[in-house]
Structure formats: C-alpha cells, structure tokens
Amino acid sequence: MENQIKKRGGRIKGTPNKITKDIRESYQLLIENNLDRLENDIKELSPKDRIEILIRLTEYVVPKLQRSHQVVNTYDLIGMEAEFVD
C-alpha cells in the first residue's frame, strides 16, 4: 500500500455542504411563508390524519431520543459478600 495517493483539496471534515445548506434554507423559507396555509390544510384533515401528519412533522422539529443500554454490576452497587456456614 505504498502507492496510495494522499487526498488533496476538498472540504475539511465537518464542513457543511454549501448546496445542502442552501436547499435547507430555501425549504425553511418556503415553510415559513406558507405556515397559515399549512395550518388551514391540517385543520381540514380528519382527526386521524391530523394526528398522523403532526407526528410525522414532529420528527423534523424534535430530535428523537436514542435508546440507551447500560450494564450494571450489582456486586459493585451492593458491596457485600455472603458466606454460608453449616
């Protein structure tokens, strides 16, 4: 693997993509300019559809919580040993 070519140029890791940033800003502006219309459209939906769309839209506003898994050593928590004697 001595002949590998080093990367040159390009974005530095962590630098946001300009096109993605521009698209997000344009989309946000579109939503902001049509909030009243969107609200009226949502009000016209059936209760079931209204709840469904609100749940779907919430994913874009409120971040999802990640599941966490913890392993607990109960011996360390209790800190005692048991000895059985006849």
N, C-alpha and C. Protein backbone atom coordinates (compact mmCIF):
# COMPACT_ATOMS: atom_id res chain seq x y z
N MET A 1 0.82 -1.19 0.00
CA MET A 1 0.00 0.00 0.00
C MET A 1 0.86 1.26 0.00
N GLU A 2 2.03 1.13 -0.51
CA GLU A 2 2.94 2.27 -0.58
C GLU A 2 2.52 3.26 -1.65
N ASN A 3 1.75 2.83 -2.62
CA ASN A 3 1.38 3.67 -3.75
C ASN A 3 0.08 4.44 -3.53
N GLN A 4 -0.38 4.57 -2.29
CA GLN A 4 -1.62 5.30 -2.04
C GLN A 4 -1.40 6.79 -2.29
N ILE A 5 -2.40 7.41 -2.87
CA ILE A 5 -2.33 8.83 -3.17
C ILE A 5 -3.01 9.59 -2.03
N LYS A 6 -2.35 10.62 -1.53
CA LYS A 6 -2.92 11.43 -0.45
C LYS A 6 -4.01 12.33 -1.02
N LYS A 7 -5.07 12.52 -0.21
CA LYS A 7 -6.16 13.40 -0.63
C LYS A 7 -5.67 14.85 -0.63
N ARG A 8 -6.08 15.56 -1.63
CA ARG A 8 -5.75 16.98 -1.70
C ARG A 8 -7.02 17.75 -2.02
N GLY A 9 -7.16 18.90 -1.41
CA GLY A 9 -8.32 19.75 -1.69
C GLY A 9 -9.58 19.20 -1.06
N GLY A 10 -10.71 19.71 -1.51
CA GLY A 10 -12.00 19.27 -0.97
C GLY A 10 -12.32 19.96 0.34
N ARG A 11 -13.47 19.56 0.88
CA ARG A 11 -13.89 20.15 2.15
C ARG A 11 -13.16 19.51 3.31
N ILE A 12 -12.94 20.28 4.33
CA ILE A 12 -12.37 19.76 5.57
C ILE A 12 -13.48 18.99 6.28
N LYS A 13 -13.13 17.89 6.94
CA LYS A 13 -14.11 17.07 7.63
C LYS A 13 -14.92 17.95 8.60
N GLY A 14 -16.24 17.81 8.54
CA GLY A 14 -17.12 18.59 9.42
C GLY A 14 -17.65 19.87 8.79
N THR A 15 -17.10 20.28 7.67
CA THR A 15 -17.57 21.48 6.99
C THR A 15 -18.87 21.16 6.26
N PRO A 16 -19.94 21.94 6.52
CA PRO A 16 -21.22 21.63 5.88
C PRO A 16 -21.16 21.83 4.36
N ASN A 17 -21.92 21.03 3.64
CA ASN A 17 -22.02 21.13 2.20
C ASN A 17 -22.83 22.38 1.87
N LYS A 18 -22.31 23.25 1.02
CA LYS A 18 -22.96 24.52 0.70
C LYS A 18 -24.31 24.31 0.01
N ILE A 19 -24.39 23.36 -0.89
CA ILE A 19 -25.65 23.12 -1.61
C ILE A 19 -26.72 22.63 -0.64
N THR A 20 -26.35 21.70 0.25
CA THR A 20 -27.30 21.20 1.25
C THR A 20 -27.78 22.33 2.14
N LYS A 21 -26.87 23.20 2.53
CA LYS A 21 -27.23 24.35 3.37
C LYS A 21 -28.21 25.26 2.64
N ASP A 22 -27.94 25.53 1.37
CA ASP A 22 -28.81 26.41 0.57
C ASP A 22 -30.21 25.80 0.40
N ILE A 23 -30.26 24.50 0.17
CA ILE A 23 -31.55 23.83 0.00
C ILE A 23 -32.34 23.88 1.29
N ARG A 24 -31.68 23.63 2.42
CA ARG A 24 -32.38 23.68 3.72
C ARG A 24 -32.91 25.08 4.00
N GLU A 25 -32.12 26.10 3.70
CA GLU A 25 -32.58 27.47 3.93
C GLU A 25 -33.76 27.81 3.04
N SER A 26 -33.72 27.38 1.79
CA SER A 26 -34.83 27.63 0.86
C SER A 26 -36.10 26.92 1.31
N TYR A 27 -35.95 25.68 1.76
CA TYR A 27 -37.10 24.91 2.22
C TYR A 27 -37.69 25.54 3.48
N GLN A 28 -36.83 25.99 4.39
CA GLN A 28 -37.31 26.64 5.60
C GLN A 28 -38.08 27.91 5.25
N LEU A 29 -37.60 28.69 4.32
CA LEU A 29 -38.28 29.90 3.88
C LEU A 29 -39.64 29.57 3.26
N LEU A 30 -39.70 28.50 2.45
CA LEU A 30 -40.95 28.06 1.85
C LEU A 30 -41.98 27.71 2.93
N ILE A 31 -41.56 26.98 3.94
CA ILE A 31 -42.46 26.60 5.03
C ILE A 31 -42.91 27.83 5.81
N GLU A 32 -41.97 28.71 6.14
CA GLU A 32 -42.31 29.91 6.91
C GLU A 32 -43.30 30.79 6.17
N ASN A 33 -43.17 30.90 4.85
CA ASN A 33 -44.06 31.74 4.06
C ASN A 33 -45.44 31.12 3.86
N ASN A 34 -45.60 29.84 4.16
CA ASN A 34 -46.87 29.16 3.94
C ASN A 34 -47.44 28.55 5.21
N LEU A 35 -47.03 29.03 6.36
CA LEU A 35 -47.50 28.46 7.63
C LEU A 35 -49.02 28.56 7.79
N ASP A 36 -49.59 29.70 7.45
CA ASP A 36 -51.05 29.86 7.58
C ASP A 36 -51.80 28.87 6.69
N ARG A 37 -51.33 28.74 5.49
CA ARG A 37 -51.98 27.81 4.55
C ARG A 37 -51.84 26.36 5.04
N LEU A 38 -50.64 26.00 5.52
CA LEU A 38 -50.43 24.65 6.04
C LEU A 38 -51.32 24.38 7.25
N GLU A 39 -51.45 25.37 8.12
CA GLU A 39 -52.29 25.21 9.30
C GLU A 39 -53.75 24.97 8.89
N ASN A 40 -54.23 25.74 7.93
CA ASN A 40 -55.61 25.56 7.45
C ASN A 40 -55.80 24.19 6.80
N ASP A 41 -54.81 23.76 6.03
CA ASP A 41 -54.90 22.44 5.40
C ASP A 41 -54.95 21.33 6.45
N ILE A 42 -54.16 21.47 7.49
CA ILE A 42 -54.14 20.46 8.56
C ILE A 42 -55.47 20.45 9.30
N LYS A 43 -56.06 21.62 9.50
CA LYS A 43 -57.36 21.70 10.19
C LYS A 43 -58.47 21.00 9.40
N GLU A 44 -58.33 20.94 8.09
CA GLU A 44 -59.34 20.32 7.25
C GLU A 44 -59.24 18.79 7.23
N LEU A 45 -58.17 18.24 7.75
CA LEU A 45 -58.00 16.78 7.76
C LEU A 45 -58.88 16.14 8.83
N SER A 46 -59.10 14.87 8.67
CA SER A 46 -59.83 14.12 9.70
C SER A 46 -58.93 14.03 10.94
N PRO A 47 -59.51 13.83 12.11
CA PRO A 47 -58.69 13.76 13.32
C PRO A 47 -57.56 12.72 13.22
N LYS A 48 -57.85 11.56 12.64
CA LYS A 48 -56.83 10.52 12.49
C LYS A 48 -55.68 11.00 11.61
N ASP A 49 -56.02 11.58 10.46
CA ASP A 49 -54.99 12.07 9.53
C ASP A 49 -54.23 13.25 10.14
N ARG A 50 -54.92 14.09 10.90
CA ARG A 50 -54.29 15.25 11.53
C ARG A 50 -53.22 14.78 12.53
N ILE A 51 -53.56 13.80 13.34
CA ILE A 51 -52.59 13.28 14.32
C ILE A 51 -51.41 12.64 13.60
N GLU A 52 -51.69 11.89 12.55
CA GLU A 52 -50.63 11.22 11.80
C GLU A 52 -49.64 12.23 11.20
N ILE A 53 -50.17 13.29 10.58
CA ILE A 53 -49.28 14.28 9.97
C ILE A 53 -48.50 15.06 11.02
N LEU A 54 -49.13 15.34 12.17
CA LEU A 54 -48.42 16.05 13.23
C LEU A 54 -47.28 15.20 13.80
N ILE A 55 -47.51 13.89 13.92
CA ILE A 55 -46.45 13.00 14.39
C ILE A 55 -45.30 12.98 13.40
N ARG A 56 -45.62 12.90 12.13
CA ARG A 56 -44.57 12.89 11.10
C ARG A 56 -43.79 14.21 11.06
N LEU A 57 -44.49 15.32 11.20
CA LEU A 57 -43.82 16.62 11.18
C LEU A 57 -42.96 16.84 12.42
N THR A 58 -43.38 16.26 13.53
CA THR A 58 -42.64 16.42 14.79
C THR A 58 -41.23 15.87 14.67
N GLU A 59 -41.05 14.82 13.87
CA GLU A 59 -39.72 14.23 13.70
C GLU A 59 -38.71 15.24 13.15
N TYR A 60 -39.18 16.25 12.44
CA TYR A 60 -38.28 17.24 11.86
C TYR A 60 -38.01 18.41 12.81
N VAL A 61 -38.74 18.46 13.90
CA VAL A 61 -38.60 19.57 14.83
C VAL A 61 -37.96 19.12 16.15
N VAL A 62 -38.45 18.00 16.67
CA VAL A 62 -37.96 17.49 17.95
C VAL A 62 -37.06 16.29 17.67
N PRO A 63 -35.82 16.32 18.14
CA PRO A 63 -34.93 15.18 17.88
C PRO A 63 -35.41 13.92 18.59
N LYS A 64 -35.23 12.80 17.94
CA LYS A 64 -35.60 11.53 18.54
C LYS A 64 -34.61 11.19 19.65
N LEU A 65 -35.13 10.62 20.71
CA LEU A 65 -34.27 10.17 21.79
C LEU A 65 -33.67 8.83 21.39
N GLN A 66 -32.39 8.67 21.68
CA GLN A 66 -31.74 7.41 21.37
C GLN A 66 -31.94 6.44 22.52
N ARG A 67 -32.10 5.19 22.16
CA ARG A 67 -32.21 4.18 23.19
C ARG A 67 -30.83 4.00 23.83
N SER A 68 -30.84 3.74 25.10
CA SER A 68 -29.56 3.50 25.76
C SER A 68 -29.62 2.16 26.47
N HIS A 69 -28.49 1.55 26.58
CA HIS A 69 -28.39 0.25 27.23
C HIS A 69 -27.25 0.34 28.23
N GLN A 70 -27.53 0.01 29.46
CA GLN A 70 -26.49 0.06 30.49
C GLN A 70 -26.37 -1.31 31.15
N VAL A 71 -25.14 -1.70 31.37
CA VAL A 71 -24.88 -2.93 32.10
C VAL A 71 -24.41 -2.52 33.48
N VAL A 72 -25.08 -3.05 34.50
CA VAL A 72 -24.75 -2.68 35.88
C VAL A 72 -24.27 -3.92 36.61
N ASN A 73 -23.14 -3.78 37.24
CA ASN A 73 -22.62 -4.86 38.06
C ASN A 73 -23.22 -4.70 39.45
N THR A 74 -24.16 -5.58 39.81
CA THR A 74 -24.86 -5.43 41.10
C THR A 74 -23.92 -5.64 42.28
N TYR A 75 -22.87 -6.41 42.11
CA TYR A 75 -21.92 -6.62 43.21
C TYR A 75 -21.29 -5.28 43.61
N ASP A 76 -20.92 -4.49 42.62
CA ASP A 76 -20.31 -3.18 42.92
C ASP A 76 -21.30 -2.25 43.61
N LEU A 77 -22.58 -2.37 43.29
CA LEU A 77 -23.58 -1.49 43.90
C LEU A 77 -23.84 -1.89 45.36
N ILE A 78 -23.93 -3.19 45.61
CA ILE A 78 -24.25 -3.65 46.96
C ILE A 78 -23.01 -3.62 47.85
N GLY A 79 -21.90 -4.08 47.30
CA GLY A 79 -20.63 -4.01 48.03
C GLY A 79 -20.57 -4.96 49.23
N MET A 80 -21.19 -6.12 49.14
CA MET A 80 -21.11 -7.07 50.24
C MET A 80 -21.04 -8.48 49.69
N GLU A 81 -20.53 -9.37 50.51
CA GLU A 81 -20.43 -10.77 50.15
C GLU A 81 -21.23 -11.59 51.14
N ALA A 82 -21.71 -12.72 50.71
CA ALA A 82 -22.43 -13.61 51.61
C ALA A 82 -21.64 -14.91 51.75
N GLU A 83 -21.54 -15.40 52.97
CA GLU A 83 -20.86 -16.67 53.24
C GLU A 83 -21.80 -17.57 54.01
N PHE A 84 -21.98 -18.76 53.51
CA PHE A 84 -22.87 -19.71 54.17
C PHE A 84 -22.05 -20.72 54.95
N VAL A 85 -22.37 -20.89 56.24
CA VAL A 85 -21.64 -21.79 57.10
C VAL A 85 -22.61 -22.81 57.67
N ASP A 86 -22.19 -24.12 57.68
CA ASP A 86 -23.01 -25.17 58.29
C ASP A 86 -22.89 -25.16 59.79
